[in-house]
Amino acid sequence: MLKFSLIRASAPAHQPKRSQIEKLIRASMQQKYINVILSISIVDLIGSQQLNLEYRGIDKATNVISLEYPDAREQFNLLSGELILCDEIILQEAHAQSKSTLEHYAHMLIHGLLHLQGYDHQIDHEAEEMELLERQIMQNLGFADPYQDRNETI
């Protein structure tokens, strides 16, 4: 069972539709979870900066924040967590990388969803594994390799 809430202050046409987000979630699952319960919020620069400072101790806005609940994942095969996406940063990065906004939103959602499943990119071999999964998922959905431009920062 998949349940997710989608919270956004406004819903500009460039943001992915709920049905697109559901497709991205399903495509990103690396194992069959009994239940998937997520909260996805699309915030502005100020909201992203405040949440990034509160949860990660970093005083700047960022493209995606993943708040995972690993105990539920490991003990109950339940994927639960929160994804917080910053609309303005995703728009800026998409433009800078000559990508469509939807393509970059897809990448940030997939990236965040992999974090919720325990993947990370702090160590080189973990980063390689995570990037490979991101490439595969994006390509399966008909998008280009998100790392073809290595100047991208996450």
Protein backbone atom coordinates (compact mmCIF):
# COMPACT_ATOMS: atom_id res chain seq x y z
CA MET A 1 0.00 0.00 0.00
CA LEU A 2 1.26 3.45 -0.95
CA LYS A 3 -0.01 6.57 0.79
CA PHE A 4 1.51 10.00 0.55
CA SER A 5 0.55 13.51 1.41
CA LEU A 6 1.55 16.33 -0.87
CA ILE A 7 1.84 19.74 0.74
CA ARG A 8 2.57 22.85 -1.25
CA ALA A 9 1.84 26.52 -0.75
CA SER A 10 0.83 26.85 -4.39
CA ALA A 11 0.77 24.54 -7.37
CA PRO A 12 2.44 26.24 -10.34
CA ALA A 13 2.16 24.41 -13.65
CA HIS A 14 5.88 23.52 -13.61
CA GLN A 15 5.57 21.38 -10.46
CA PRO A 16 4.89 17.67 -10.98
CA LYS A 17 1.32 16.51 -10.68
CA ARG A 18 0.30 14.10 -7.93
CA SER A 19 0.01 11.25 -10.45
CA GLN A 20 3.56 11.92 -11.70
CA ILE A 21 4.88 11.89 -8.14
CA GLU A 22 3.16 8.57 -7.47
CA LYS A 23 4.79 7.10 -10.60
CA LEU A 24 8.20 8.36 -9.42
CA ILE A 25 7.70 6.87 -5.97
CA ARG A 26 6.74 3.47 -7.39
CA ALA A 27 9.68 3.50 -9.83
CA SER A 28 12.11 4.33 -7.01
CA MET A 29 11.25 1.43 -4.72
CA GLN A 30 14.22 -0.92 -4.40
CA GLN A 31 12.33 -3.58 -2.48
CA LYS A 32 8.71 -4.44 -1.86
CA TYR A 33 7.64 -2.67 1.31
CA ILE A 34 4.48 -3.76 3.08
CA ASN A 35 3.47 -0.11 3.33
CA VAL A 36 4.89 3.15 2.04
CA ILE A 37 3.74 6.25 3.91
CA LEU A 38 5.35 9.54 2.91
CA SER A 39 4.94 13.24 3.37
CA ILE A 40 6.16 15.36 0.47
CA SER A 41 6.36 19.13 0.87
CA ILE A 42 7.32 21.71 -1.71
CA VAL A 43 8.58 24.83 0.04
CA ASP A 44 10.15 28.19 -0.75
CA LEU A 45 13.74 29.31 -0.11
CA ILE A 46 13.04 30.55 3.41
CA GLY A 47 11.25 27.35 4.40
CA SER A 48 14.03 25.21 2.95
CA GLN A 49 16.71 27.20 4.76
CA GLN A 50 14.86 27.01 8.10
CA LEU A 51 14.25 23.26 7.80
CA ASN A 52 17.80 22.56 6.61
CA LEU A 53 19.14 24.47 9.63
CA GLU A 54 16.77 22.69 12.02
CA TYR A 55 17.30 19.14 10.76
CA ARG A 56 20.80 19.20 9.29
CA GLY A 57 22.49 22.14 11.01
CA ILE A 58 23.20 23.80 7.66
CA ASP A 59 22.11 27.44 7.37
CA LYS A 60 21.21 27.57 3.68
CA ALA A 61 18.42 26.40 1.42
CA THR A 62 18.88 23.14 -0.48
CA ASN A 63 17.11 21.27 -3.28
CA VAL A 64 15.86 18.26 -1.29
CA ILE A 65 15.87 17.22 2.36
CA SER A 66 15.12 13.60 3.21
CA LEU A 67 13.99 12.74 6.72
CA GLU A 68 14.03 8.98 7.03
CA TYR A 69 12.73 6.69 9.73
CA PRO A 70 15.07 3.68 9.46
CA ASP A 71 13.69 1.81 12.47
CA ALA A 72 10.28 1.44 10.82
CA ARG A 73 11.97 0.37 7.58
CA GLU A 74 14.14 -2.26 9.19
CA GLN A 75 11.78 -3.61 11.85
CA PHE A 76 8.45 -3.52 10.03
CA ASN A 77 9.32 -3.36 6.32
CA LEU A 78 7.55 0.00 6.35
CA LEU A 79 9.00 2.84 4.33
CA SER A 80 8.07 6.12 5.96
CA GLY A 81 9.62 9.52 5.90
CA GLU A 82 9.46 13.05 4.64
CA LEU A 83 10.78 14.72 1.53
CA ILE A 84 11.08 18.48 1.46
CA LEU A 85 11.76 20.00 -1.95
CA CYS A 86 12.67 23.63 -2.58
CA ASP A 87 10.84 24.87 -5.66
CA GLU A 88 13.09 27.88 -6.34
CA ILE A 89 16.33 25.90 -6.12
CA ILE A 90 14.99 23.12 -8.34
CA LEU A 91 13.94 25.73 -10.91
CA GLN A 92 17.35 27.45 -10.76
CA GLU A 93 19.26 24.16 -11.06
CA ALA A 94 17.09 22.93 -13.93
CA HIS A 95 17.77 26.15 -15.83
CA ALA A 96 21.51 26.09 -15.05
CA GLN A 97 21.74 22.44 -16.17
CA SER A 98 19.59 22.97 -19.29
CA LYS A 99 17.06 20.41 -18.08
CA SER A 100 13.30 20.54 -18.00
CA THR A 101 11.86 21.40 -14.62
CA LEU A 102 9.96 18.10 -14.55
CA GLU A 103 13.16 16.16 -15.25
CA HIS A 104 15.00 17.85 -12.39
CA TYR A 105 12.04 17.44 -10.03
CA ALA A 106 12.02 13.74 -10.97
CA HIS A 107 15.72 13.44 -10.18
CA MET A 108 15.39 15.20 -6.82
CA LEU A 109 12.39 13.05 -5.85
CA ILE A 110 14.21 9.85 -6.85
CA HIS A 111 17.35 10.98 -5.03
CA GLY A 112 15.36 11.75 -1.89
CA LEU A 113 13.41 8.49 -2.09
CA LEU A 114 16.64 6.50 -2.28
CA HIS A 115 17.85 8.31 0.84
CA LEU A 116 14.63 7.27 2.60
CA GLN A 117 15.49 3.67 1.70
CA GLY A 118 18.92 3.93 3.31
CA TYR A 119 21.10 4.86 0.34
CA ASP A 120 23.72 7.55 0.84
CA HIS A 121 26.56 9.25 -1.00
CA GLN A 122 29.01 10.16 1.75
CA ILE A 123 31.51 7.43 0.83
CA ASP A 124 32.70 6.92 -2.76
CA HIS A 125 31.44 3.36 -3.22
CA GLU A 126 28.04 4.27 -1.71
CA ALA A 127 27.82 7.32 -3.99
CA GLU A 128 28.58 5.16 -7.03
CA GLU A 129 25.85 2.67 -6.08
CA MET A 130 23.29 5.43 -5.44
CA GLU A 131 24.14 7.27 -8.66
CA LEU A 132 23.84 4.05 -10.66
CA LEU A 133 20.35 3.48 -9.25
CA GLU A 134 19.38 7.09 -9.99
CA ARG A 135 20.60 6.73 -13.58
CA GLN A 136 18.70 3.46 -14.06
CA ILE A 137 15.45 4.77 -12.59
CA MET A 138 15.63 8.00 -14.59
CA GLN A 139 16.39 6.13 -17.81
CA ASN A 140 13.57 3.63 -17.15
CA LEU A 141 11.22 6.62 -16.91
CA GLY A 142 12.51 8.07 -20.19
CA PHE A 143 14.76 10.78 -18.74
CA ALA A 144 18.41 11.47 -19.51
CA ASP A 145 21.31 10.50 -17.27
CA PRO A 146 21.13 13.04 -14.43
CA TYR A 147 24.90 12.92 -13.96
CA GLN A 148 25.95 13.61 -17.52
CA ASP A 149 26.89 17.08 -16.28
CA ARG A 150 29.18 16.37 -13.30
CA ASN A 151 28.86 19.94 -12.06
CA GLU A 152 25.53 19.03 -10.45
CA THR A 153 25.52 19.23 -6.67
CA ILE A 154 23.12 17.45 -4.36
